[in-house]
C-alpha cells in the first residue's frame, strides 16, 4: 500500500526579491496582488506529484493542501491551477508543448481545462475565470502561463 505525504510550500522570494511559488520542478512568479499555493503527494521515485494554484486575489498559501477543490474566484479575477506529475502511461501520449498557453477555442468559457506534456512532465491545467473572460483577462492568464519555467 502506497503512503501519500502532503507537504506545504509557501510562496518564496528569490535573491532578487521577486515572489514565486514552486513545486521544485516548476516555478511561477507571483505578480503584485497574486497569491500562490502548492501541495505535494506521494508517488513513484523522482519529483513527487504536485498541485499548484496561482490567482490574482487573496487565498492562503496553504490552500492547496488544506482544501478540496479550488477557491471561489471573484468577478474579473482568474485562478490558474495545475497538477504536475511524472509522465507515465497514457500521459506519455499527451501533446508536447514548449510553452504554456490557453487553448484557442475557449474564448467564452469560465472554466478551461487541458492536458499537455511540458519539460518532460505531465500537466493537467485548469483556468477558472470569475467572470466571462475578456481579451485582457485572457491575455493576463496567458502571460502567467507563459511565465511557468523549470527550476
C-alpha atoms as a PDB file:
ATOM      1  CA  UNK A   1       0.000   0.000   0.000  1.00  0.00           C
ATOM      2  CA  UNK A   2       1.468   3.342  -1.010  1.00  0.00           C
ATOM      3  CA  UNK A   3       1.590   6.112   1.545  1.00  0.00           C
ATOM      4  CA  UNK A   4       0.729   9.635   0.494  1.00  0.00           C
ATOM      5  CA  UNK A   5       2.610  12.537   2.009  1.00  0.00           C
ATOM      6  CA  UNK A   6       1.226  16.043   1.874  1.00  0.00           C
ATOM      7  CA  UNK A   7       3.642  18.898   2.327  1.00  0.00           C
ATOM      8  CA  UNK A   8       3.017  22.604   2.045  1.00  0.00           C
ATOM      9  CA  UNK A   9       5.258  25.151   0.397  1.00  0.00           C
ATOM     10  CA  UNK A  10       4.655  28.820   0.901  1.00  0.00           C
ATOM     11  CA  UNK A  11       5.376  31.474  -1.689  1.00  0.00           C
ATOM     12  CA  UNK A  12       9.094  32.114  -1.728  1.00  0.00           C
ATOM     13  CA  UNK A  13      11.256  35.104  -2.522  1.00  0.00           C
ATOM     14  CA  UNK A  14      14.284  34.708  -4.741  1.00  0.00           C
ATOM     15  CA  UNK A  15      17.581  36.555  -4.478  1.00  0.00           C
ATOM     16  CA  UNK A  16      16.124  39.472  -6.437  1.00  0.00           C
ATOM     17  CA  UNK A  17      13.185  39.720  -4.017  1.00  0.00           C
ATOM     18  CA  UNK A  18      10.636  38.502  -6.568  1.00  0.00           C
ATOM     19  CA  UNK A  19       7.971  36.229  -5.084  1.00  0.00           C
ATOM     20  CA  UNK A  20       7.132  32.918  -6.677  1.00  0.00           C
ATOM     21  CA  UNK A  21       5.509  29.581  -5.938  1.00  0.00           C
ATOM     22  CA  UNK A  22       7.371  26.385  -6.805  1.00  0.00           C
ATOM     23  CA  UNK A  23       6.963  22.635  -6.600  1.00  0.00           C
ATOM     24  CA  UNK A  24      10.743  22.181  -7.062  1.00  0.00           C
ATOM     25  CA  UNK A  25      10.139  21.227 -10.704  1.00  0.00           C
ATOM     26  CA  UNK A  26       8.409  24.380 -11.975  1.00  0.00           C
ATOM     27  CA  UNK A  27       8.319  27.948 -10.726  1.00  0.00           C
ATOM     28  CA  UNK A  28       5.574  30.534 -11.241  1.00  0.00           C
ATOM     29  CA  UNK A  29       6.350  34.192 -10.467  1.00  0.00           C
ATOM     30  CA  UNK A  30       3.709  35.871  -8.308  1.00  0.00           C
ATOM     31  CA  UNK A  31       2.859  39.316  -9.592  1.00  0.00           C
ATOM     32  CA  UNK A  32       1.834  42.048  -7.156  1.00  0.00           C
ATOM     33  CA  UNK A  33      -1.586  41.152  -5.739  1.00  0.00           C
ATOM     34  CA  UNK A  34      -1.287  37.475  -6.675  1.00  0.00           C
ATOM     35  CA  UNK A  35      -1.439  34.535  -4.260  1.00  0.00           C
ATOM     36  CA  UNK A  36       0.033  31.084  -4.685  1.00  0.00           C
ATOM     37  CA  UNK A  37      -0.209  27.673  -3.090  1.00  0.00           C
ATOM     38  CA  UNK A  38       1.343  24.258  -3.645  1.00  0.00           C
ATOM     39  CA  UNK A  39       0.795  20.804  -2.154  1.00  0.00           C
ATOM     40  CA  UNK A  40       2.687  17.587  -2.740  1.00  0.00           C
ATOM     41  CA  UNK A  41       1.549  13.977  -2.885  1.00  0.00           C
ATOM     42  CA  UNK A  42       3.449  10.719  -2.724  1.00  0.00           C
ATOM     43  CA  UNK A  43       4.238   8.619  -5.729  1.00  0.00           C
ATOM     44  CA  UNK A  44       6.996   6.873  -7.647  1.00  0.00           C
ATOM     45  CA  UNK A  45      10.652   7.834  -7.209  1.00  0.00           C
ATOM     46  CA  UNK A  46      11.582  11.238  -8.567  1.00  0.00           C
ATOM     47  CA  UNK A  47       9.865  14.571  -8.063  1.00  0.00           C
ATOM     48  CA  UNK A  48       6.502  13.938  -6.376  1.00  0.00           C
ATOM     49  CA  UNK A  49       3.183  14.922  -7.927  1.00  0.00           C
ATOM     50  CA  UNK A  50       2.248  18.477  -7.001  1.00  0.00           C
ATOM     51  CA  UNK A  51      -0.861  20.653  -7.163  1.00  0.00           C
ATOM     52  CA  UNK A  52      -0.120  24.371  -7.705  1.00  0.00           C
ATOM     53  CA  UNK A  53      -2.550  27.280  -7.730  1.00  0.00           C
ATOM     54  CA  UNK A  54      -1.971  30.962  -8.507  1.00  0.00           C
ATOM     55  CA  UNK A  55      -4.592  33.691  -8.673  1.00  0.00           C
ATOM     56  CA  UNK A  56      -4.913  37.467  -8.733  1.00  0.00           C
ATOM     57  CA  UNK A  57      -6.857  37.548  -5.472  1.00  0.00           C
ATOM     58  CA  UNK A  58      -6.021  36.539  -1.907  1.00  0.00           C
ATOM     59  CA  UNK A  59      -6.118  32.947  -0.700  1.00  0.00           C
ATOM     60  CA  UNK A  60      -3.895  31.317   1.949  1.00  0.00           C
ATOM     61  CA  UNK A  61      -0.540  29.886   0.865  1.00  0.00           C
ATOM     62  CA  UNK A  62      -1.572  26.504   2.313  1.00  0.00           C
ATOM     63  CA  UNK A  63      -4.899  26.426   0.422  1.00  0.00           C
ATOM     64  CA  UNK A  64      -3.864  23.621  -1.960  1.00  0.00           C
ATOM     65  CA  UNK A  65      -3.114  21.228   0.898  1.00  0.00           C
ATOM     66  CA  UNK A  66      -5.988  22.070   3.242  1.00  0.00           C
ATOM     67  CA  UNK A  67      -8.982  22.330   0.894  1.00  0.00           C
ATOM     68  CA  UNK A  68     -10.526  20.117  -1.724  1.00  0.00           C
ATOM     69  CA  UNK A  69     -11.306  21.918  -4.918  1.00  0.00           C
ATOM     70  CA  UNK A  70     -10.408  25.459  -5.873  1.00  0.00           C
ATOM     71  CA  UNK A  71     -11.140  28.685  -4.031  1.00  0.00           C
ATOM     72  CA  UNK A  72     -14.072  30.749  -5.281  1.00  0.00           C
ATOM     73  CA  UNK A  73     -12.852  33.120  -7.956  1.00  0.00           C
ATOM     74  CA  UNK A  74     -14.158  36.689  -7.594  1.00  0.00           C
ATOM     75  CA  UNK A  75     -15.556  38.527 -10.640  1.00  0.00           C
ATOM     76  CA  UNK A  76     -12.901  39.813 -13.068  1.00  0.00           C
ATOM     77  CA  UNK A  77     -10.256  37.588 -11.435  1.00  0.00           C
ATOM     78  CA  UNK A  78      -8.529  34.404 -12.570  1.00  0.00           C
ATOM     79  CA  UNK A  79      -7.226  31.247 -10.899  1.00  0.00           C
ATOM     80  CA  UNK A  80      -4.687  29.037 -12.636  1.00  0.00           C
ATOM     81  CA  UNK A  81      -4.275  25.518 -11.232  1.00  0.00           C
ATOM     82  CA  UNK A  82      -2.204  22.638 -12.415  1.00  0.00           C
ATOM     83  CA  UNK A  83      -1.322  19.136 -11.425  1.00  0.00           C
ATOM     84  CA  UNK A  84       2.293  18.294 -12.249  1.00  0.00           C
ATOM     85  CA  UNK A  85       3.371  14.650 -12.262  1.00  0.00           C
ATOM     86  CA  UNK A  86       5.744  12.191 -13.859  1.00  0.00           C
ATOM     87  CA  UNK A  87       4.648  11.358 -17.400  1.00  0.00           C
ATOM     88  CA  UNK A  88       3.726   7.654 -17.469  1.00  0.00           C
ATOM     89  CA  UNK A  89       1.100   5.528 -19.179  1.00  0.00           C
ATOM     90  CA  UNK A  90      -1.449   7.427 -21.243  1.00  0.00           C
ATOM     91  CA  UNK A  91       0.092  10.812 -20.357  1.00  0.00           C
ATOM     92  CA  UNK A  92       3.127   9.842 -22.450  1.00  0.00           C
ATOM     93  CA  UNK A  93       0.897  10.430 -25.492  1.00  0.00           C
ATOM     94  CA  UNK A  94      -0.329  13.892 -24.498  1.00  0.00           C
ATOM     95  CA  UNK A  95       0.647  16.781 -26.749  1.00  0.00           C
ATOM     96  CA  UNK A  96       4.152  18.114 -26.062  1.00  0.00           C
ATOM     97  CA  UNK A  97       4.437  21.873 -25.727  1.00  0.00           C
ATOM     98  CA  UNK A  98       7.398  24.206 -25.306  1.00  0.00           C
ATOM     99  CA  UNK A  99       5.364  26.898 -23.532  1.00  0.00           C
ATOM    100  CA  UNK A 100       2.056  27.016 -21.711  1.00  0.00           C
ATOM    101  CA  UNK A 101      -0.938  28.951 -23.044  1.00  0.00           C
ATOM    102  CA  UNK A 102      -4.718  28.785 -23.124  1.00  0.00           C
ATOM    103  CA  UNK A 103      -6.250  26.657 -25.857  1.00  0.00           C
ATOM    104  CA  UNK A 104      -7.567  28.864 -28.671  1.00  0.00           C
ATOM    105  CA  UNK A 105     -11.178  27.594 -28.846  1.00  0.00           C
ATOM    106  CA  UNK A 106     -12.155  28.631 -25.318  1.00  0.00           C
ATOM    107  CA  UNK A 107     -12.838  32.370 -25.576  1.00  0.00           C
ATOM    108  CA  UNK A 108     -16.141  32.466 -23.615  1.00  0.00           C
ATOM    109  CA  UNK A 109     -15.732  29.586 -21.163  1.00  0.00           C
ATOM    110  CA  UNK A 110     -15.278  30.399 -17.468  1.00  0.00           C
ATOM    111  CA  UNK A 111     -13.530  27.061 -16.842  1.00  0.00           C
ATOM    112  CA  UNK A 112     -10.899  25.840 -19.271  1.00  0.00           C
ATOM    113  CA  UNK A 113      -9.007  22.587 -18.807  1.00  0.00           C
ATOM    114  CA  UNK A 114      -6.481  20.713 -20.880  1.00  0.00           C
ATOM    115  CA  UNK A 115      -3.588  18.241 -20.612  1.00  0.00           C
ATOM    116  CA  UNK A 116      -0.078  18.551 -22.007  1.00  0.00           C
ATOM    117  CA  UNK A 117       3.480  17.360 -21.568  1.00  0.00           C
ATOM    118  CA  UNK A 118       5.815  20.195 -20.671  1.00  0.00           C
ATOM    119  CA  UNK A 119       9.531  19.887 -19.947  1.00  0.00           C
ATOM    120  CA  UNK A 120       9.237  16.098 -19.594  1.00  0.00           C
ATOM    121  CA  UNK A 121       6.363  16.231 -17.071  1.00  0.00           C
ATOM    122  CA  UNK A 122       2.626  15.682 -17.457  1.00  0.00           C
ATOM    123  CA  UNK A 123       0.420  18.676 -16.583  1.00  0.00           C
ATOM    124  CA  UNK A 124      -3.336  18.862 -16.126  1.00  0.00           C
ATOM    125  CA  UNK A 125      -4.208  22.559 -16.281  1.00  0.00           C
ATOM    126  CA  UNK A 126      -7.322  24.466 -15.199  1.00  0.00           C
ATOM    127  CA  UNK A 127      -8.005  28.160 -15.631  1.00  0.00           C
ATOM    128  CA  UNK A 128     -11.055  29.450 -13.774  1.00  0.00           C
ATOM    129  CA  UNK A 129     -12.334  32.914 -14.618  1.00  0.00           C
ATOM    130  CA  UNK A 130     -14.552  34.710 -12.098  1.00  0.00           C
ATOM    131  CA  UNK A 131     -16.487  36.303 -14.982  1.00  0.00           C
ATOM    132  CA  UNK A 132     -16.816  35.587 -18.686  1.00  0.00           C
ATOM    133  CA  UNK A 133     -13.246  36.304 -19.807  1.00  0.00           C
ATOM    134  CA  UNK A 134     -12.480  39.338 -21.920  1.00  0.00           C
ATOM    135  CA  UNK A 135      -9.349  39.877 -24.020  1.00  0.00           C
ATOM    136  CA  UNK A 136      -7.493  41.489 -21.097  1.00  0.00           C
ATOM    137  CA  UNK A 137      -8.202  38.624 -18.673  1.00  0.00           C
ATOM    138  CA  UNK A 138      -7.264  36.006 -21.266  1.00  0.00           C
ATOM    139  CA  UNK A 139      -4.021  37.889 -22.007  1.00  0.00           C
ATOM    140  CA  UNK A 140      -3.258  38.019 -18.282  1.00  0.00           C
ATOM    141  CA  UNK A 141      -3.840  34.260 -17.921  1.00  0.00           C
ATOM    142  CA  UNK A 142      -1.615  33.595 -20.948  1.00  0.00           C
ATOM    143  CA  UNK A 143       1.141  35.828 -19.543  1.00  0.00           C
ATOM    144  CA  UNK A 144       1.137  33.901 -16.248  1.00  0.00           C
ATOM    145  CA  UNK A 145       1.059  30.544 -18.045  1.00  0.00           C
ATOM    146  CA  UNK A 146       3.990  31.649 -20.237  1.00  0.00           C
ATOM    147  CA  UNK A 147       5.947  32.604 -17.091  1.00  0.00           C
ATOM    148  CA  UNK A 148       5.960  28.995 -15.788  1.00  0.00           C
ATOM    149  CA  UNK A 149       9.571  27.855 -16.011  1.00  0.00           C
ATOM    150  CA  UNK A 150      11.544  24.790 -14.967  1.00  0.00           C
ATOM    151  CA  UNK A 151      13.509  25.211 -11.737  1.00  0.00           C
END
